[in-house]
Protein backbone atom coordinates (compact mmCIF):
# COMPACT_ATOMS: atom_id res chain seq x y z
CA MET A 1 -30.85 36.99 -43.25
CA LYS A 2 -31.63 37.15 -39.57
CA LYS A 3 -29.27 35.42 -37.27
CA ILE A 4 -30.17 34.07 -33.88
CA LEU A 5 -27.45 33.73 -31.24
CA PHE A 6 -27.65 30.63 -29.11
CA LEU A 7 -25.78 30.70 -25.82
CA PHE A 8 -25.87 27.48 -23.94
CA SER A 9 -24.18 25.84 -21.00
CA LEU A 10 -23.27 22.24 -21.22
CA LEU A 11 -24.39 20.21 -18.26
CA LEU A 12 -23.14 16.67 -18.16
CA CYS A 13 -24.69 14.27 -15.73
CA VAL A 14 -22.92 10.99 -15.28
CA GLN A 15 -24.64 8.08 -13.70
CA ALA A 16 -22.82 4.87 -12.81
CA TYR A 17 -24.70 1.71 -13.56
CA GLY A 18 -24.20 -1.70 -12.00
CA GLN A 19 -23.11 -2.49 -8.48
CA THR A 20 -22.52 0.49 -6.19
CA SER A 21 -19.85 0.60 -3.51
CA ASP A 22 -20.89 -0.32 0.00
CA THR A 23 -21.51 2.67 2.26
CA ILE A 24 -18.81 3.32 4.84
CA VAL A 25 -20.40 3.65 8.28
CA GLY A 26 -17.23 3.90 10.34
CA SER A 27 -13.52 4.40 9.76
CA GLY A 28 -10.31 5.55 11.37
CA ASP A 29 -6.63 5.01 11.97
CA VAL A 30 -5.24 2.00 13.81
CA ASN A 31 -1.82 3.58 13.80
CA SER A 32 0.24 5.66 11.37
CA ALA A 33 0.48 2.76 8.89
CA ILE A 34 -2.85 0.93 9.31
CA THR A 35 -6.47 2.01 8.85
CA TRP A 36 -9.88 0.43 9.41
CA THR A 37 -13.29 0.79 7.76
CA LEU A 38 -16.69 -0.72 8.48
CA ASP A 39 -19.21 -0.83 5.63
CA SER A 40 -22.97 -1.18 5.48
CA ASN A 41 -22.63 -4.95 4.98
CA ASN A 42 -21.05 -5.13 8.44
CA THR A 43 -17.62 -5.96 7.00
CA LEU A 44 -14.65 -4.65 8.95
CA THR A 45 -11.58 -4.16 6.74
CA ILE A 46 -8.08 -3.68 8.12
CA SER A 47 -5.62 -2.20 5.60
CA GLY A 48 -2.01 -1.12 5.66
CA GLU A 49 1.46 -2.40 6.45
CA GLY A 50 3.05 -4.03 9.50
CA ASP A 51 1.87 -5.37 12.86
CA MET A 52 -1.50 -4.46 14.31
CA PRO A 53 -1.11 -3.11 17.86
CA ASP A 54 -2.10 -5.09 20.95
CA TYR A 55 -5.25 -4.15 22.83
CA VAL A 56 -6.64 -4.77 26.27
CA THR A 57 -10.26 -5.79 26.74
CA ASN A 58 -12.74 -3.60 24.89
CA ASN A 59 -10.51 -0.72 23.74
CA THR A 60 -10.19 -1.34 20.00
CA PRO A 61 -10.84 1.57 17.59
CA TRP A 62 -13.94 -0.22 16.28
CA GLU A 63 -15.30 -0.99 19.76
CA ASP A 64 -18.56 0.93 19.22
CA TYR A 65 -19.32 -1.27 16.20
CA LYS A 66 -18.15 -4.60 17.60
CA SER A 67 -21.65 -6.00 18.10
CA VAL A 68 -22.57 -5.61 14.41
CA ILE A 69 -19.37 -6.86 12.74
CA GLU A 70 -20.10 -10.03 10.75
CA LYS A 71 -17.02 -10.32 8.56
CA VAL A 72 -13.39 -9.38 9.11
CA VAL A 73 -11.17 -8.80 6.07
CA ILE A 74 -7.49 -8.29 6.78
CA LYS A 75 -5.70 -6.94 3.73
CA ASN A 76 -2.36 -8.10 2.40
CA GLY A 77 0.43 -6.18 4.12
CA ILE A 78 -0.67 -6.78 7.70
CA SER A 79 1.93 -9.01 9.39
CA ARG A 80 0.43 -9.65 12.83
CA ILE A 81 -3.10 -9.69 14.23
CA GLY A 82 -2.85 -7.86 17.55
CA LYS A 83 -3.80 -9.08 21.00
CA GLN A 84 -7.58 -9.11 21.59
CA SER A 85 -8.23 -7.35 18.28
CA PHE A 86 -11.63 -9.04 17.93
CA TYR A 87 -12.21 -10.13 21.53
CA ASN A 88 -15.89 -11.00 22.08
CA ALA A 89 -16.92 -9.90 18.59
CA ARG A 90 -19.73 -12.38 18.93
CA ASN A 91 -21.39 -11.87 15.54
CA VAL A 92 -18.28 -12.40 13.41
CA LYS A 93 -19.02 -15.30 11.07
CA GLU A 94 -16.14 -15.07 8.61
CA VAL A 95 -12.49 -14.06 8.74
CA SER A 96 -10.20 -13.52 5.74
CA ILE A 97 -6.49 -13.70 6.61
CA PRO A 98 -3.94 -12.80 3.91
CA ASN A 99 -0.65 -14.48 3.16
CA SER A 100 1.28 -11.69 4.86
CA VAL A 101 0.16 -12.48 8.42
CA VAL A 102 2.80 -14.36 10.42
CA GLU A 103 1.29 -14.30 13.92
CA ILE A 104 -2.18 -14.42 15.43
CA GLY A 105 -1.98 -12.54 18.72
CA LEU A 106 -3.09 -13.50 22.21
CA GLY A 107 -6.87 -13.80 22.44
CA ALA A 108 -7.25 -12.22 18.99
CA PHE A 109 -10.54 -14.05 18.28
CA TRP A 110 -11.48 -15.04 21.84
CA GLY A 111 -15.26 -15.33 22.15
CA CYS A 112 -16.13 -14.99 18.44
CA ASP A 113 -19.14 -17.22 19.05
CA ASN A 114 -20.38 -17.37 15.46
CA LEU A 115 -17.08 -17.97 13.71
CA ILE A 116 -17.43 -21.32 11.94
CA GLU A 117 -14.27 -21.87 9.89
CA VAL A 118 -10.70 -20.56 9.87
CA ASN A 119 -8.30 -21.13 6.98
CA MET A 120 -4.77 -20.11 7.85
CA PRO A 121 -2.52 -19.09 4.94
CA ASN A 122 0.95 -20.49 4.38
CA SER A 123 2.51 -17.49 6.13
CA ILE A 124 1.18 -18.20 9.64
CA LYS A 125 3.90 -19.40 12.02
CA ILE A 126 2.66 -18.58 15.51
CA ILE A 127 -0.79 -19.00 17.06
CA GLU A 128 -0.51 -17.26 20.41
CA ASP A 129 -2.24 -18.10 23.71
CA ASP A 130 -6.06 -18.08 23.71
CA ALA A 131 -6.18 -17.07 20.04
CA PHE A 132 -9.49 -18.88 19.44
CA HIS A 133 -10.51 -19.47 23.07
CA SER A 134 -14.26 -20.02 23.45
CA CYS A 135 -15.16 -19.83 19.75
CA LEU A 136 -18.20 -21.93 20.52
CA ASN A 137 -19.30 -22.62 16.93
CA LEU A 138 -15.90 -23.10 15.34
CA GLU A 139 -16.11 -26.36 13.37
CA LYS A 140 -13.08 -26.37 11.10
CA VAL A 141 -9.51 -25.10 11.36
CA THR A 142 -6.99 -25.53 8.57
CA MET A 143 -3.36 -25.03 9.55
CA SER A 144 -0.60 -24.96 6.95
CA ASP A 145 2.84 -26.52 7.19
CA SER A 146 4.29 -23.17 8.24
CA VAL A 147 2.81 -23.23 11.77
CA THR A 148 5.48 -23.89 14.41
CA SER A 149 3.80 -22.91 17.68
CA ILE A 150 0.29 -23.25 19.15
CA GLY A 151 -0.08 -21.32 22.41
CA ASN A 152 -1.77 -22.15 25.71
CA ASN A 153 -5.55 -22.67 25.41
CA ALA A 154 -5.46 -21.66 21.74
CA PHE A 155 -8.57 -23.75 20.96
CA TYR A 156 -9.88 -24.14 24.49
CA VAL A 157 -13.62 -24.83 24.72
CA CYS A 158 -14.21 -24.70 20.97
CA GLN A 159 -17.21 -26.91 21.54
CA LYS A 160 -17.82 -27.92 17.92
CA LEU A 161 -14.20 -28.47 16.89
CA SER A 162 -14.19 -32.26 16.78
CA LYS A 163 -11.37 -32.76 14.23
CA LEU A 164 -7.89 -31.29 14.04
CA ASN A 165 -4.87 -31.88 11.82
CA ILE A 166 -1.57 -30.76 13.36
CA PRO A 167 1.19 -30.12 10.78
CA GLU A 168 4.62 -31.72 11.17
CA SER A 169 6.08 -28.21 11.37
CA VAL A 170 4.58 -27.66 14.85
CA ILE A 171 7.29 -28.03 17.51
CA SER A 172 5.54 -26.39 20.46
CA ILE A 173 2.02 -26.82 21.86
CA GLY A 174 0.87 -24.99 25.00
CA LEU A 175 -1.14 -26.13 27.99
CA GLY A 176 -4.73 -26.97 27.09
CA ALA A 177 -4.17 -25.77 23.53
CA LEU A 178 -6.12 -28.68 22.04
CA SER A 179 -8.68 -29.01 24.82
CA THR A 180 -11.77 -28.42 22.73
CA GLY A 181 -13.84 -30.70 24.92
CA VAL A 182 -15.27 -32.56 21.93
CA LEU A 183 -12.19 -33.80 20.05
CA GLN A 184 -13.06 -37.01 18.20
CA GLU A 185 -10.28 -37.26 15.63
CA LEU A 186 -6.75 -35.89 15.78
CA THR A 187 -4.25 -36.31 12.95
CA VAL A 188 -0.57 -35.77 13.74
CA ASN A 189 2.36 -35.88 11.36
CA TRP A 190 5.42 -36.40 13.55
CA LYS A 191 7.38 -39.63 13.31
CA GLU A 192 8.26 -39.18 16.96
CA PRO A 193 5.47 -37.97 19.28
CA LEU A 194 5.81 -34.42 20.51
CA GLU A 195 6.53 -34.68 24.21
CA ASP A 196 3.52 -33.66 26.27
CA HIS A 197 3.99 -31.78 29.53
CA PRO A 198 2.47 -32.64 32.95
CA TYR A 199 -0.74 -30.64 32.50
CA GLY A 200 -1.09 -31.68 28.91
CA PHE A 201 -1.95 -30.32 25.51
CA PHE A 202 -5.45 -31.63 26.13
CA GLY A 203 -6.05 -30.33 29.65
CA LYS A 204 -8.56 -32.49 31.52
CA MET A 205 -10.28 -33.66 28.35
CA ASP A 206 -10.90 -37.41 28.12
CA VAL A 207 -9.03 -38.66 25.04
CA THR A 208 -9.68 -42.39 25.45
CA SER A 209 -12.45 -42.35 22.84
CA CYS A 210 -10.58 -40.03 20.45
CA ILE A 211 -9.00 -41.47 17.28
CA LEU A 212 -5.36 -40.53 16.81
CA LYS A 213 -4.13 -40.86 13.22
CA VAL A 214 -0.37 -41.24 12.99
CA PRO A 215 2.10 -41.64 10.08
CA ALA A 216 2.73 -45.13 8.70
CA GLY A 217 5.28 -47.09 10.72
CA THR A 218 5.00 -44.95 13.86
CA VAL A 219 2.23 -46.69 15.82
CA SER A 220 4.62 -48.24 18.36
CA ASN A 221 6.19 -44.84 19.03
CA TYR A 222 2.83 -43.45 20.11
CA GLU A 223 1.77 -46.58 21.98
CA ASN A 224 4.79 -46.10 24.25
CA ALA A 225 4.40 -42.35 24.76
CA VAL A 226 2.71 -40.81 27.80
CA VAL A 227 -0.73 -39.32 27.01
CA TRP A 228 -0.56 -40.34 23.35
CA GLN A 229 -0.96 -43.98 24.33
CA ASP A 230 -4.41 -43.18 25.77
CA PHE A 231 -5.85 -42.49 22.31
CA ILE A 232 -7.30 -45.00 19.87
CA ILE A 233 -4.27 -45.10 17.57
CA VAL A 234 -4.79 -45.61 13.84
CA GLU A 235 -2.01 -45.83 11.26
CA LEU A 236 -2.45 -43.70 8.19
CA SER A 237 -2.27 -45.60 4.90
CA GLY A 238 0.32 -45.11 2.20
CA ALA A 239 -2.13 -43.07 0.18
CA SER A 240 -1.02 -40.37 -2.25
CA ASP A 241 0.20 -37.06 -0.86
CA ASN A 242 -0.47 -35.21 -4.14
CA ALA A 243 -2.31 -31.99 -3.22
CA ASP A 244 -1.77 -30.14 -6.50
CA LEU A 245 -4.37 -28.43 -8.60
CA SER A 246 -4.32 -29.24 -12.32
CA PHE A 247 -6.66 -26.46 -13.54
CA LEU A 248 -7.65 -22.99 -12.43
CA ASP A 249 -9.98 -20.60 -14.23
CA VAL A 250 -11.21 -17.14 -13.24
CA GLY A 251 -14.03 -15.24 -14.89
CA SER A 252 -16.40 -12.36 -14.19
CA HIS A 253 -19.86 -11.13 -15.17
CA THR A 254 -21.16 -7.62 -15.73
CA ALA A 255 -24.60 -6.39 -14.72
CA ASP A 256 -25.75 -7.36 -18.23
CA ASN A 257 -24.47 -10.91 -17.57
CA GLU A 258 -21.63 -10.52 -20.06
CA TYR A 259 -18.90 -13.03 -19.20
CA THR A 260 -15.16 -12.34 -19.47
CA SER A 261 -12.41 -14.87 -18.81
CA HIS A 262 -9.42 -13.74 -16.73
CA LYS A 263 -7.71 -17.12 -16.65
CA PRO A 264 -4.24 -16.73 -15.12
CA THR A 265 -1.09 -18.48 -16.30
CA PHE A 266 -1.34 -21.53 -14.06
CA SER A 267 1.30 -23.80 -12.56
CA PRO A 268 0.61 -26.38 -9.82
CA ASP A 269 3.66 -25.09 -7.95
CA VAL A 270 2.40 -21.51 -7.85
CA THR A 271 -0.15 -21.02 -5.07
CA GLU A 272 -0.85 -17.29 -5.23
CA TYR A 273 -2.51 -15.45 -8.11
CA ALA A 274 -3.69 -11.87 -8.67
CA VAL A 275 -6.28 -10.85 -11.26
CA ASP A 276 -7.37 -7.30 -12.13
CA VAL A 277 -10.92 -6.72 -13.34
CA PRO A 278 -12.76 -3.51 -14.32
CA TYR A 279 -15.42 -1.86 -12.18
CA SER A 280 -18.08 -3.21 -14.56
CA SER A 281 -17.34 -6.74 -13.29
CA ILE A 282 -19.84 -7.21 -10.48
CA ASN A 283 -19.30 -10.88 -9.65
CA ALA A 284 -16.70 -13.58 -10.14
CA ILE A 285 -16.71 -17.29 -10.79
CA LEU A 286 -13.65 -19.44 -10.13
CA VAL A 287 -13.24 -23.11 -11.07
CA ALA A 288 -10.50 -25.47 -9.86
CA PHE A 289 -9.78 -29.18 -10.39
CA HIS A 290 -7.30 -31.38 -8.55
CA GLU A 291 -4.56 -33.39 -10.26
CA ASP A 292 -5.04 -36.62 -8.28
CA ASN A 293 -8.46 -38.15 -8.75
CA ASN A 294 -8.53 -39.18 -5.09
CA ALA A 295 -7.79 -35.72 -3.72
CA LYS A 296 -10.41 -33.17 -2.72
CA VAL A 297 -10.78 -29.43 -3.32
CA ASN A 298 -12.47 -27.56 -0.46
CA GLY A 299 -13.78 -30.93 0.66
CA LYS A 300 -15.30 -31.81 -2.72
CA ALA A 301 -14.24 -34.84 -4.72
CA VAL A 302 -14.84 -33.35 -8.17
CA GLY A 303 -13.12 -30.00 -7.81
CA ASP A 304 -14.87 -26.84 -6.69
CA THR A 305 -16.54 -23.74 -8.07
CA LEU A 306 -16.58 -20.48 -6.13
CA GLN A 307 -18.95 -17.66 -7.05
CA SER A 308 -19.32 -14.34 -5.28
CA ASP A 309 -20.20 -10.69 -5.76
CA LEU A 310 -17.17 -8.43 -6.04
CA SER A 311 -16.43 -5.43 -3.87
CA VAL A 312 -14.20 -2.61 -5.08
CA GLY A 313 -10.60 -3.48 -4.20
CA GLU A 314 -9.29 -6.86 -3.09
CA ASN A 315 -11.51 -9.96 -3.09
CA ILE A 316 -9.79 -13.08 -1.76
CA PHE A 317 -10.73 -16.62 -2.84
CA THR A 318 -9.16 -19.80 -1.49
CA PHE A 319 -8.96 -23.37 -2.76
CA ILE A 320 -7.66 -25.91 -0.22
CA VAL A 321 -6.56 -29.19 -1.79
CA THR A 322 -6.42 -32.20 0.52
CA ALA A 323 -4.47 -35.18 -0.73
CA GLU A 324 -5.73 -38.75 -0.61
CA ASP A 325 -3.71 -39.35 2.57
CA GLY A 326 -5.95 -36.88 4.38
CA ILE A 327 -2.91 -35.06 5.76
CA THR A 328 -1.15 -33.23 2.99
CA GLN A 329 -2.78 -29.95 2.04
CA LYS A 330 -1.99 -27.12 -0.31
CA THR A 331 -3.74 -23.77 -0.28
CA TYR A 332 -4.18 -21.82 -3.52
CA THR A 333 -5.18 -18.16 -3.17
CA VAL A 334 -6.65 -15.92 -5.88
CA VAL A 335 -6.91 -12.18 -5.22
CA ILE A 336 -9.29 -10.41 -7.61
CA ASN A 337 -8.78 -6.65 -7.64
CA ARG A 338 -11.89 -4.84 -8.83
CA ALA A 339 -11.17 -1.33 -10.08
CA ALA A 340 -12.86 1.71 -8.56
CA PRO A 341 -15.53 3.44 -10.69
CA SER A 342 -14.18 5.97 -13.19
CA THR A 343 -14.39 9.64 -12.28
CA ASN A 344 -14.03 10.72 -15.94
CA ALA A 345 -17.03 12.94 -16.75
CA ASP A 346 -15.54 14.46 -19.95
CA LEU A 347 -17.20 14.56 -23.37
CA LEU A 348 -15.26 13.09 -26.27
CA GLY A 349 -16.71 15.52 -28.79
CA LEU A 350 -19.57 17.99 -29.39
CA ASN A 351 -21.29 18.90 -32.68
CA VAL A 352 -24.08 21.43 -33.29
CA SER A 353 -26.02 21.25 -36.60
CA ALA A 354 -27.94 24.06 -38.29
CA PRO A 355 -31.39 23.40 -39.79
CA ASN A 356 -29.75 22.88 -43.18
CA GLY A 357 -27.67 20.06 -41.74
CA ASN A 358 -24.36 21.89 -41.76
CA ASN A 359 -22.17 21.83 -38.70
CA VAL A 360 -22.02 25.10 -36.81
CA GLU A 361 -18.77 26.45 -35.51
CA LEU A 362 -18.51 26.54 -31.72
CA THR A 363 -16.91 29.34 -29.80
CA PRO A 364 -14.57 28.46 -28.25
CA ALA A 365 -13.49 25.35 -30.17
CA PHE A 366 -14.42 22.14 -28.42
CA SER A 367 -12.23 20.99 -25.57
CA PRO A 368 -13.12 18.43 -22.88
CA ASN A 369 -12.20 21.05 -20.31
CA ALA A 370 -14.57 23.72 -21.66
CA THR A 371 -18.23 23.52 -20.61
CA ASN A 372 -19.72 26.76 -22.05
CA TYR A 373 -20.07 27.43 -25.81
CA ALA A 374 -21.73 29.85 -28.20
CA ALA A 375 -22.90 29.04 -31.72
CA SER A 376 -24.51 31.13 -34.48
CA VAL A 377 -26.94 29.54 -36.92
CA PRO A 378 -28.65 30.96 -40.04
């Protein structure tokens, strides 16, 4: 019987389906412990450990890309945002600050004209001078009870920032720090007014038409305090200060719209959660409900649902619960870590059948590491 020798090379092509990683268009070192990348979605990501360095005007490592940056993501591990890190980054619309950052440096976001909202995590203690100076479209700032100091001109000329809530933890406010020019409602949480200095927290801004909300039983203290007495003083009610969540669910979808629940073990007292999902999970959906019916989650009275596409690596989601009293807030953070795509291009097995249906012996025997085989068939 004639035998024919087949010699073949095994070529395995692996194609990844689903969402592809964003293209990196720029990257580099900030210092020996911190790196930066800019992707094709105009997202600047700062990763590493420790304090970012301070910069002087227009000498950041990402300076050549500053005009296109639309989102800044600072990864967990960074402890301080350096001086003028994003000075005049006029197209930045969104900033994600992790719970490891303690200080926001001098002029860090000065002139970020398109920045609309800033949510500060529970770790922030110091907001340095001019941190958000001239953020012309900044409408909302959420400060946690960890903030102790707000520097000179921190929110100067933030022309759309009409409401502010200053935590009781703040013990120092710099000159002109709250001089937004358009302040209509200011909520403070001190039983005794923080003593203003001669040039004032509010600069030359007219506060006579601004509502000042003060804790119950403290109206007379503010009515007899210099500068504070010029406001329209309103006593906060004895409303509930319950800012707890009662429910938190996390899920993801694949490209085929297959849903998987990743619900964490939830406790109202735990405010930080981490969830790992596979690369096949291309978007996430998070649902949260508040415990007190009169509280709000991200400004919504019936809880909130967040939905977003997932990038490879960390994806940070935040639920801010505001109690009925309008003062007490609690921030819950969920970090979803999406795995990188697998680089495994191995076969699990390989069979060759003769015309009679019998398996043919391969030479060498199959191994995932071998890619060339010979087989003889009748």
